[in-house]
Amino acid sequence: MKAKDFDKKFDDGQSIIDDLDLSKARRPEHEQRRVNVDFPIWMIHSLDKEAQRLGVPRQSIIKLWIAERLEKTVG
């Protein structure tokens, strides 16, 4: 499909999802990278308590809180 045909299809409100190869789609700067962080035991217990209260894994709480803080300071 030519770009102008693709653009027209999109502009006309037609679905273009079948025309995309989503298996290779990536969001820039959203790739995962593992880091190791050492926390004091009291902090791990507090994180686990909050994670259990919300019904989510500890890692989710850590990521959420760090993201919130970064949005306040950077964004």
N, C-alpha and C. Protein backbone atom coordinates (compact mmCIF):
# COMPACT_ATOMS: atom_id res chain seq x y z
N MET A 1 0.84 -1.17 0.00
CA MET A 1 0.00 0.00 0.00
C MET A 1 0.89 1.24 0.00
N LYS A 2 0.55 2.19 -0.81
CA LYS A 2 1.29 3.44 -0.87
C LYS A 2 0.91 4.33 0.30
N ALA A 3 1.83 5.19 0.68
CA ALA A 3 1.62 6.06 1.83
C ALA A 3 0.38 6.94 1.66
N LYS A 4 0.17 7.45 0.45
CA LYS A 4 -1.00 8.33 0.25
C LYS A 4 -2.30 7.55 0.42
N ASP A 5 -2.31 6.27 0.00
CA ASP A 5 -3.51 5.44 0.18
C ASP A 5 -3.74 5.14 1.67
N PHE A 6 -2.64 4.88 2.36
CA PHE A 6 -2.71 4.63 3.80
C PHE A 6 -3.24 5.86 4.53
N ASP A 7 -2.69 7.04 4.20
CA ASP A 7 -3.13 8.30 4.81
C ASP A 7 -4.60 8.58 4.53
N LYS A 8 -5.03 8.33 3.31
CA LYS A 8 -6.43 8.58 2.94
C LYS A 8 -7.35 7.66 3.73
N LYS A 9 -6.96 6.40 3.83
CA LYS A 9 -7.77 5.44 4.59
C LYS A 9 -7.91 5.91 6.05
N PHE A 10 -6.80 6.36 6.63
CA PHE A 10 -6.82 6.86 8.00
C PHE A 10 -7.68 8.12 8.12
N ASP A 11 -7.46 9.06 7.20
CA ASP A 11 -8.21 10.32 7.22
C ASP A 11 -9.70 10.11 7.02
N ASP A 12 -10.06 9.06 6.29
CA ASP A 12 -11.48 8.76 6.06
C ASP A 12 -12.11 8.01 7.23
N GLY A 13 -11.32 7.76 8.27
CA GLY A 13 -11.85 7.12 9.45
C GLY A 13 -11.94 5.61 9.36
N GLN A 14 -11.30 5.03 8.35
CA GLN A 14 -11.31 3.58 8.20
C GLN A 14 -10.24 2.98 9.11
N SER A 15 -10.43 1.74 9.49
CA SER A 15 -9.46 1.05 10.32
C SER A 15 -8.21 0.73 9.51
N ILE A 16 -7.06 1.05 10.08
CA ILE A 16 -5.79 0.75 9.42
C ILE A 16 -5.03 -0.34 10.17
N ILE A 17 -5.63 -0.89 11.20
CA ILE A 17 -4.95 -1.84 12.07
C ILE A 17 -4.47 -3.07 11.30
N ASP A 18 -5.24 -3.54 10.33
CA ASP A 18 -4.84 -4.71 9.55
C ASP A 18 -3.69 -4.40 8.60
N ASP A 19 -3.41 -3.13 8.39
CA ASP A 19 -2.33 -2.72 7.49
C ASP A 19 -1.01 -2.51 8.23
N LEU A 20 -1.02 -2.68 9.54
CA LEU A 20 0.17 -2.45 10.35
C LEU A 20 0.78 -3.77 10.82
N ASP A 21 2.10 -3.81 10.92
CA ASP A 21 2.81 -4.95 11.50
C ASP A 21 3.12 -4.59 12.94
N LEU A 22 2.20 -4.92 13.85
CA LEU A 22 2.34 -4.53 15.24
C LEU A 22 3.36 -5.38 15.99
N SER A 23 3.82 -6.47 15.39
CA SER A 23 4.80 -7.31 16.07
C SER A 23 6.13 -6.59 16.25
N LYS A 24 6.37 -5.57 15.47
CA LYS A 24 7.63 -4.83 15.56
C LYS A 24 7.43 -3.43 16.15
N ALA A 25 6.22 -3.14 16.61
CA ALA A 25 5.93 -1.81 17.16
C ALA A 25 6.63 -1.63 18.50
N ARG A 26 7.23 -0.49 18.71
CA ARG A 26 7.91 -0.16 19.95
C ARG A 26 7.60 1.28 20.34
N ARG A 27 7.55 1.53 21.62
CA ARG A 27 7.39 2.90 22.11
C ARG A 27 8.77 3.40 22.53
N PRO A 28 9.26 4.42 21.87
CA PRO A 28 10.60 4.92 22.21
C PRO A 28 10.71 5.27 23.69
N GLU A 29 11.84 4.90 24.28
CA GLU A 29 12.15 5.18 25.68
C GLU A 29 11.28 4.41 26.67
N HIS A 30 10.52 3.40 26.18
CA HIS A 30 9.68 2.60 27.07
C HIS A 30 10.17 1.16 27.15
N GLU A 31 11.35 0.87 26.60
CA GLU A 31 11.89 -0.46 26.72
C GLU A 31 12.22 -0.72 28.19
N GLN A 32 12.13 -1.97 28.59
CA GLN A 32 12.42 -2.33 29.98
C GLN A 32 13.92 -2.57 30.15
N ARG A 33 14.42 -2.21 31.31
CA ARG A 33 15.81 -2.46 31.66
C ARG A 33 15.85 -2.78 33.14
N ARG A 34 16.50 -3.87 33.47
CA ARG A 34 16.55 -4.32 34.86
C ARG A 34 17.59 -3.51 35.64
N VAL A 35 17.20 -3.10 36.85
CA VAL A 35 18.13 -2.45 37.78
C VAL A 35 17.96 -3.12 39.14
N ASN A 36 19.02 -3.15 39.89
CA ASN A 36 18.98 -3.71 41.24
C ASN A 36 19.07 -2.57 42.25
N VAL A 37 18.17 -2.59 43.21
CA VAL A 37 18.14 -1.57 44.26
C VAL A 37 18.05 -2.28 45.60
N ASP A 38 18.89 -1.89 46.52
CA ASP A 38 18.83 -2.45 47.87
C ASP A 38 17.98 -1.54 48.75
N PHE A 39 16.99 -2.15 49.44
CA PHE A 39 16.11 -1.42 50.34
C PHE A 39 16.32 -1.96 51.76
N PRO A 40 16.16 -1.10 52.76
CA PRO A 40 16.16 -1.60 54.14
C PRO A 40 14.94 -2.49 54.37
N ILE A 41 15.08 -3.42 55.30
CA ILE A 41 14.01 -4.38 55.59
C ILE A 41 12.70 -3.68 55.93
N TRP A 42 12.75 -2.61 56.74
CA TRP A 42 11.51 -1.93 57.13
C TRP A 42 10.78 -1.39 55.90
N MET A 43 11.54 -0.94 54.90
CA MET A 43 10.94 -0.40 53.70
C MET A 43 10.28 -1.50 52.87
N ILE A 44 10.93 -2.65 52.81
CA ILE A 44 10.36 -3.79 52.08
C ILE A 44 9.06 -4.23 52.74
N HIS A 45 9.05 -4.27 54.07
CA HIS A 45 7.81 -4.64 54.78
C HIS A 45 6.69 -3.64 54.49
N SER A 46 7.02 -2.37 54.48
CA SER A 46 6.01 -1.35 54.18
C SER A 46 5.51 -1.46 52.75
N LEU A 47 6.43 -1.69 51.84
CA LEU A 47 6.04 -1.87 50.42
C LEU A 47 5.14 -3.09 50.26
N ASP A 48 5.51 -4.19 50.91
CA ASP A 48 4.71 -5.41 50.81
C ASP A 48 3.32 -5.22 51.41
N LYS A 49 3.24 -4.51 52.51
CA LYS A 49 1.94 -4.25 53.14
C LYS A 49 1.03 -3.44 52.21
N GLU A 50 1.60 -2.40 51.60
CA GLU A 50 0.81 -1.57 50.68
C GLU A 50 0.44 -2.35 49.42
N ALA A 51 1.37 -3.14 48.92
CA ALA A 51 1.09 -3.95 47.73
C ALA A 51 -0.03 -4.95 48.01
N GLN A 52 0.02 -5.58 49.17
CA GLN A 52 -1.03 -6.53 49.54
C GLN A 52 -2.37 -5.83 49.68
N ARG A 53 -2.37 -4.65 50.28
CA ARG A 53 -3.61 -3.89 50.45
C ARG A 53 -4.25 -3.57 49.10
N LEU A 54 -3.40 -3.24 48.11
CA LEU A 54 -3.91 -2.90 46.78
C LEU A 54 -4.08 -4.11 45.87
N GLY A 55 -3.54 -5.25 46.27
CA GLY A 55 -3.65 -6.46 45.47
C GLY A 55 -2.77 -6.44 44.23
N VAL A 56 -1.60 -5.85 44.36
CA VAL A 56 -0.65 -5.78 43.24
C VAL A 56 0.72 -6.23 43.73
N PRO A 57 1.62 -6.59 42.81
CA PRO A 57 2.98 -6.97 43.23
C PRO A 57 3.77 -5.76 43.76
N ARG A 58 4.76 -6.05 44.58
CA ARG A 58 5.63 -5.00 45.13
C ARG A 58 6.23 -4.14 44.02
N GLN A 59 6.67 -4.77 42.95
CA GLN A 59 7.31 -4.04 41.85
C GLN A 59 6.37 -2.98 41.27
N SER A 60 5.09 -3.27 41.21
CA SER A 60 4.13 -2.30 40.68
C SER A 60 4.06 -1.05 41.54
N ILE A 61 4.08 -1.22 42.85
CA ILE A 61 4.06 -0.08 43.77
C ILE A 61 5.31 0.77 43.56
N ILE A 62 6.46 0.12 43.51
CA ILE A 62 7.72 0.84 43.34
C ILE A 62 7.72 1.63 42.04
N LYS A 63 7.33 0.99 40.95
CA LYS A 63 7.32 1.67 39.64
C LYS A 63 6.34 2.85 39.63
N LEU A 64 5.17 2.63 40.20
CA LEU A 64 4.15 3.68 40.23
C LEU A 64 4.63 4.89 41.03
N TRP A 65 5.16 4.65 42.22
CA TRP A 65 5.60 5.75 43.07
C TRP A 65 6.77 6.50 42.46
N ILE A 66 7.70 5.78 41.86
CA ILE A 66 8.83 6.46 41.22
C ILE A 66 8.33 7.28 40.02
N ALA A 67 7.43 6.71 39.22
CA ALA A 67 6.88 7.43 38.07
C ALA A 67 6.16 8.70 38.51
N GLU A 68 5.36 8.61 39.57
CA GLU A 68 4.65 9.79 40.08
C GLU A 68 5.63 10.87 40.50
N ARG A 69 6.67 10.47 41.20
CA ARG A 69 7.66 11.45 41.68
C ARG A 69 8.40 12.10 40.51
N LEU A 70 8.77 11.29 39.53
CA LEU A 70 9.47 11.84 38.37
C LEU A 70 8.60 12.80 37.57
N GLU A 71 7.31 12.49 37.46
CA GLU A 71 6.40 13.40 36.75
C GLU A 71 6.32 14.75 37.46
N LYS A 72 6.34 14.74 38.78
CA LYS A 72 6.30 15.99 39.56
C LYS A 72 7.58 16.80 39.39
N THR A 73 8.71 16.13 39.40
CA THR A 73 9.99 16.85 39.39
C THR A 73 10.52 17.13 37.99
N VAL A 74 10.29 16.22 37.05
CA VAL A 74 10.83 16.36 35.70
C VAL A 74 9.80 16.95 34.76
N GLY A 75 8.58 16.42 34.83
CA GLY A 75 7.55 16.77 33.88
C GLY A 75 6.88 18.05 34.17
